[in-house]
Amino acid sequence: MSKGLNIALIGYGKMGKAIESIAIERGHHISLRIGSSNPDQFTTENLQQCDVAIEFTNPESAVENIRKCLEAGTAVICGSTGWLEHLPAIKALCKEKHGAFLYASNFSVGVNIFFEVNKCLAKLMARQNEYDVSIEEIHHTQKKDAPSGTAITLAEQVLQEVSRKTKWANEQTDAPSNLTITSKRIDPAPGTHVIKYSSPVDEIEIKHTAHSRGGFALGAVLAAEFIHNKNGTFNMKDVLGL
């Protein structure tokens, strides 16, 4: 884009700093950085000086942070997971305020392509009853929610296509109708997701492994560029044209 954005970073941990680096490389300006040391600066006045806010915090604070941005009239990108029971209310607030909001369980370009591959494979496997399907996700030990938002997205895609599975469970279970998601927390893993279809005679597996936070950070900045001067609720499929 020809003119750089003024960006607010809501959450200034490792992800916030990775986003900052890529945003600056792409010609944007970080106008506001909110972390645990300066919550007093998270004001409507400061938000209104920003074109877009990028929110990466935790499930406990994400909803209120998003509300504050929308109330201020600032477009907001959210990458926090574990709060989606409040998503309908956030979408309603966005509509009421004629605002702009984009949520993704994962901002990585590669992961969003992986989502599309997962849907295609699930369709192909829908009638192959001899195959059981399971999901494994591995993240760093600082990740607070389990399963990951990405794993939940992958599971819900499988459940839409594979009718022999009726719900996901974040534990090992003998119930054949349950889709098991195994969560592991191992440092320094930024994120690995595996979907496996197993039969008595073979296995089919698809896997995405993140090597760093850079892919997630780039996707968040692309989302900020996309949402600028728009109204409505969006996701990464809109950003990437998938």
Protein backbone atom coordinates (compact mmCIF):
# COMPACT_ATOMS: atom_id res chain seq x y z
CA MET A 1 0.00 0.00 0.00
CA SER A 2 1.17 3.54 -0.73
CA LYS A 3 0.63 4.99 2.76
CA GLY A 4 1.77 3.28 5.92
CA LEU A 5 -0.74 2.49 8.66
CA ASN A 6 -0.68 3.71 12.24
CA ILE A 7 -0.97 0.44 14.17
CA ALA A 8 -1.80 -0.25 17.82
CA LEU A 9 -0.35 -3.44 19.29
CA ILE A 10 -2.58 -4.73 22.07
CA GLY A 11 -0.31 -7.29 23.69
CA TYR A 12 3.43 -6.64 23.44
CA GLY A 13 4.91 -10.05 24.12
CA LYS A 14 6.86 -12.22 21.68
CA MET A 15 4.10 -12.16 19.09
CA GLY A 16 3.55 -8.42 19.42
CA LYS A 17 7.26 -7.78 18.89
CA ALA A 18 7.34 -10.10 15.86
CA ILE A 19 4.38 -8.19 14.37
CA GLU A 20 6.12 -4.88 15.11
CA SER A 21 9.24 -5.94 13.20
CA ILE A 22 7.33 -7.00 10.09
CA ALA A 23 4.98 -4.02 10.19
CA ILE A 24 7.92 -1.61 10.24
CA GLU A 25 9.61 -3.53 7.40
CA ARG A 26 6.41 -3.04 5.37
CA GLY A 27 6.37 0.72 5.94
CA HIS A 28 3.92 0.99 8.83
CA HIS A 29 4.23 2.87 12.12
CA ILE A 30 3.56 1.45 15.58
CA SER A 31 1.67 4.29 17.25
CA LEU A 32 0.65 2.45 20.42
CA ARG A 33 2.11 -0.50 22.30
CA ILE A 34 0.04 -1.90 25.17
CA GLY A 35 1.53 -4.47 27.52
CA SER A 36 1.30 -5.37 31.19
CA SER A 37 3.46 -2.38 32.17
CA ASN A 38 1.29 0.38 30.66
CA PRO A 39 -2.45 -0.48 30.76
CA ASP A 40 -3.17 3.18 31.56
CA GLN A 41 -2.29 4.06 27.96
CA PHE A 42 -5.02 1.77 26.59
CA THR A 43 -7.45 4.65 26.16
CA THR A 44 -10.10 5.59 23.62
CA GLU A 45 -8.16 8.75 22.77
CA ASN A 46 -4.99 6.80 22.01
CA LEU A 47 -6.86 4.16 20.00
CA GLN A 48 -8.48 6.86 17.87
CA GLN A 49 -5.01 7.93 16.70
CA CYS A 50 -4.56 4.48 15.13
CA ASP A 51 -5.87 3.06 11.87
CA VAL A 52 -5.89 -0.56 13.05
CA ALA A 53 -5.35 -2.39 16.34
CA ILE A 54 -3.80 -5.87 16.39
CA GLU A 55 -4.80 -7.83 19.50
CA PHE A 56 -2.76 -10.81 20.70
CA THR A 57 -3.26 -11.32 24.43
CA ASN A 58 -5.11 -14.17 26.18
CA PRO A 59 -8.64 -15.58 26.51
CA GLU A 60 -9.29 -13.65 29.73
CA SER A 61 -8.69 -10.17 28.30
CA ALA A 62 -9.36 -10.52 24.56
CA VAL A 63 -13.11 -9.84 24.57
CA GLU A 64 -12.85 -6.61 26.57
CA ASN A 65 -9.89 -5.47 24.45
CA ILE A 66 -11.86 -6.03 21.22
CA ARG A 67 -14.89 -4.22 22.65
CA LYS A 68 -12.73 -1.25 23.60
CA CYS A 69 -11.31 -0.98 20.08
CA LEU A 70 -14.73 -1.24 18.42
CA GLU A 71 -16.21 1.33 20.84
CA ALA A 72 -13.36 3.68 19.89
CA GLY A 73 -14.09 3.22 16.20
CA THR A 74 -10.75 1.52 15.54
CA ALA A 75 -10.58 -1.49 13.22
CA VAL A 76 -9.34 -4.51 15.14
CA ILE A 77 -7.52 -7.72 14.21
CA CYS A 78 -7.69 -10.46 16.85
CA GLY A 79 -5.44 -13.51 17.09
CA SER A 80 -6.23 -14.48 20.69
CA THR A 81 -7.98 -17.84 20.99
CA GLY A 82 -10.10 -19.52 23.65
CA TRP A 83 -12.89 -16.91 23.85
CA LEU A 84 -15.14 -17.81 20.90
CA GLU A 85 -18.32 -18.28 22.94
CA HIS A 86 -18.42 -14.46 22.84
CA LEU A 87 -17.91 -14.20 19.07
CA PRO A 88 -21.62 -13.65 18.20
CA ALA A 89 -21.77 -10.73 20.64
CA ILE A 90 -18.58 -9.21 19.18
CA LYS A 91 -19.94 -9.54 15.64
CA ALA A 92 -23.16 -7.83 16.77
CA LEU A 93 -21.20 -4.98 18.36
CA CYS A 94 -19.12 -4.58 15.19
CA LYS A 95 -22.31 -4.27 13.15
CA GLU A 96 -23.86 -1.84 15.62
CA LYS A 97 -20.79 0.40 15.56
CA HIS A 98 -20.31 0.08 11.77
CA GLY A 99 -16.84 -1.12 12.64
CA ALA A 100 -14.31 -3.51 11.19
CA PHE A 101 -13.27 -6.74 12.88
CA LEU A 102 -11.20 -9.71 11.73
CA TYR A 103 -10.63 -12.86 13.76
CA ALA A 104 -8.45 -15.82 12.81
CA SER A 105 -7.47 -18.85 14.85
CA ASN A 106 -4.23 -18.72 12.89
CA PHE A 107 -2.85 -15.92 10.69
CA SER A 108 -0.18 -17.97 8.93
CA VAL A 109 -0.63 -18.02 5.15
CA GLY A 110 0.59 -21.63 5.17
CA VAL A 111 -1.90 -22.69 7.85
CA ASN A 112 -4.80 -21.11 6.00
CA ILE A 113 -3.83 -23.08 2.89
CA PHE A 114 -3.55 -26.12 5.20
CA PHE A 115 -7.16 -25.50 6.30
CA GLU A 116 -8.27 -25.82 2.67
CA VAL A 117 -6.23 -29.04 2.23
CA ASN A 118 -7.81 -30.42 5.41
CA LYS A 119 -11.31 -29.77 4.09
CA CYS A 120 -10.52 -31.48 0.78
CA LEU A 121 -9.04 -34.53 2.49
CA ALA A 122 -12.00 -34.78 4.88
CA LYS A 123 -14.39 -34.83 1.92
CA LEU A 124 -12.39 -37.63 0.30
CA MET A 125 -12.36 -39.65 3.54
CA ALA A 126 -16.01 -39.11 4.47
CA ARG A 127 -17.16 -42.51 3.16
CA GLN A 128 -14.01 -44.44 4.06
CA ASN A 129 -15.38 -45.93 7.26
CA GLU A 130 -12.36 -48.15 7.86
CA TYR A 131 -10.26 -45.06 8.67
CA ASP A 132 -10.24 -43.44 12.09
CA VAL A 133 -9.20 -39.79 12.23
CA SER A 134 -7.32 -37.96 14.98
CA ILE A 135 -5.56 -34.63 15.48
CA GLU A 136 -2.36 -33.74 17.34
CA GLU A 137 -1.17 -30.22 18.13
CA ILE A 138 2.12 -29.15 19.70
CA HIS A 139 2.84 -25.65 21.06
CA HIS A 140 5.22 -23.88 23.44
CA THR A 141 4.54 -24.08 27.18
CA GLN A 142 3.38 -20.45 27.41
CA LYS A 143 0.27 -21.20 25.36
CA LYS A 144 -2.59 -21.10 27.85
CA ASP A 145 -5.49 -22.67 25.95
CA ALA A 146 -5.75 -26.29 24.87
CA PRO A 147 -6.58 -27.45 22.33
CA SER A 148 -5.27 -24.65 20.17
CA GLY A 149 -7.71 -22.53 18.20
CA THR A 150 -6.13 -23.89 15.03
CA ALA A 151 -6.76 -27.49 16.16
CA ILE A 152 -10.39 -26.63 16.92
CA THR A 153 -10.79 -25.11 13.44
CA LEU A 154 -9.28 -28.24 11.88
CA ALA A 155 -11.54 -30.48 14.00
CA GLU A 156 -14.68 -28.56 13.09
CA GLN A 157 -13.79 -28.85 9.40
CA VAL A 158 -13.46 -32.63 9.77
CA LEU A 159 -16.74 -32.88 11.69
CA GLN A 160 -18.55 -31.06 8.88
CA GLU A 161 -17.53 -33.76 6.38
CA VAL A 162 -16.98 -36.97 8.33
CA SER A 163 -20.39 -37.90 9.75
CA ARG A 164 -19.08 -40.85 11.77
CA LYS A 165 -17.49 -38.27 14.08
CA THR A 166 -19.97 -36.15 16.05
CA LYS A 167 -17.78 -34.09 18.40
CA TRP A 168 -14.16 -33.45 19.29
CA ALA A 169 -12.61 -34.32 22.65
CA ASN A 170 -9.31 -33.06 24.06
CA GLU A 171 -8.49 -36.43 25.59
CA GLN A 172 -7.94 -40.01 24.55
CA THR A 173 -11.31 -41.71 24.29
CA ASP A 174 -12.64 -45.07 23.18
CA ALA A 175 -15.90 -43.56 21.90
CA PRO A 176 -15.78 -44.15 18.12
CA SER A 177 -17.88 -41.03 17.46
CA ASN A 178 -15.34 -38.75 19.18
CA LEU A 179 -12.59 -36.98 17.27
CA THR A 180 -9.58 -37.03 19.59
CA ILE A 181 -7.36 -33.95 19.77
CA THR A 182 -4.08 -34.57 21.59
CA SER A 183 -2.41 -31.41 22.92
CA LYS A 184 1.29 -31.29 23.81
CA ARG A 185 3.19 -28.34 25.28
CA ILE A 186 6.89 -28.51 24.43
CA ASP A 187 9.34 -25.61 24.17
CA PRO A 188 10.26 -23.93 21.90
CA ALA A 189 7.66 -25.25 19.41
CA PRO A 190 5.76 -22.34 17.79
CA GLY A 191 3.11 -24.69 16.41
CA THR A 192 2.65 -28.10 14.77
CA HIS A 193 -0.67 -29.61 13.66
CA VAL A 194 -1.15 -33.14 12.36
CA ILE A 195 -4.32 -34.78 11.01
CA LYS A 196 -4.04 -38.55 10.72
CA TYR A 197 -6.39 -41.06 9.11
CA SER A 198 -5.53 -44.60 10.25
CA SER A 199 -6.83 -47.94 8.97
CA PRO A 200 -5.70 -51.53 9.65
CA VAL A 201 -3.63 -51.45 6.46
CA ASP A 202 -2.26 -47.90 6.14
CA GLU A 203 -2.23 -44.27 7.32
CA ILE A 204 -2.72 -40.94 5.59
CA GLU A 205 -1.28 -37.90 7.35
CA ILE A 206 -1.12 -34.17 6.63
CA LYS A 207 1.03 -31.90 8.74
CA HIS A 208 1.87 -28.23 9.14
CA THR A 209 4.93 -27.16 11.14
CA ALA A 210 5.72 -23.54 11.91
CA HIS A 211 9.44 -22.79 12.19
CA SER A 212 8.99 -19.37 13.79
CA ARG A 213 6.39 -16.75 14.68
CA GLY A 214 7.25 -14.88 11.47
CA GLY A 215 4.49 -16.50 9.42
CA PHE A 216 1.83 -15.64 11.98
CA ALA A 217 3.14 -12.07 12.30
CA LEU A 218 3.18 -11.50 8.53
CA GLY A 219 -0.40 -12.76 8.24
CA ALA A 220 -1.55 -10.39 10.99
CA VAL A 221 0.03 -7.43 9.18
CA LEU A 222 -1.54 -8.52 5.87
CA ALA A 223 -4.89 -8.66 7.69
CA ALA A 224 -4.36 -5.12 9.01
CA GLU A 225 -3.60 -3.88 5.50
CA PHE A 226 -6.70 -5.65 4.18
CA ILE A 227 -9.15 -4.35 6.80
CA HIS A 228 -8.11 -0.69 6.61
CA ASN A 229 -11.02 1.52 5.49
CA LYS A 230 -13.45 -1.43 5.45
CA ASN A 231 -16.59 -2.13 7.49
CA GLY A 232 -17.79 -5.55 8.54
CA THR A 233 -16.56 -8.86 9.93
CA PHE A 234 -13.83 -10.73 8.07
CA ASN A 235 -11.48 -13.70 8.28
CA MET A 236 -8.23 -14.84 6.66
CA LYS A 237 -10.03 -16.40 3.71
CA ASP A 238 -11.09 -12.86 2.79
CA VAL A 239 -7.52 -11.60 3.14
CA LEU A 240 -6.00 -14.38 1.05
CA GLY A 241 -8.83 -14.77 -1.48
CA LEU A 242 -9.25 -18.47 -0.70
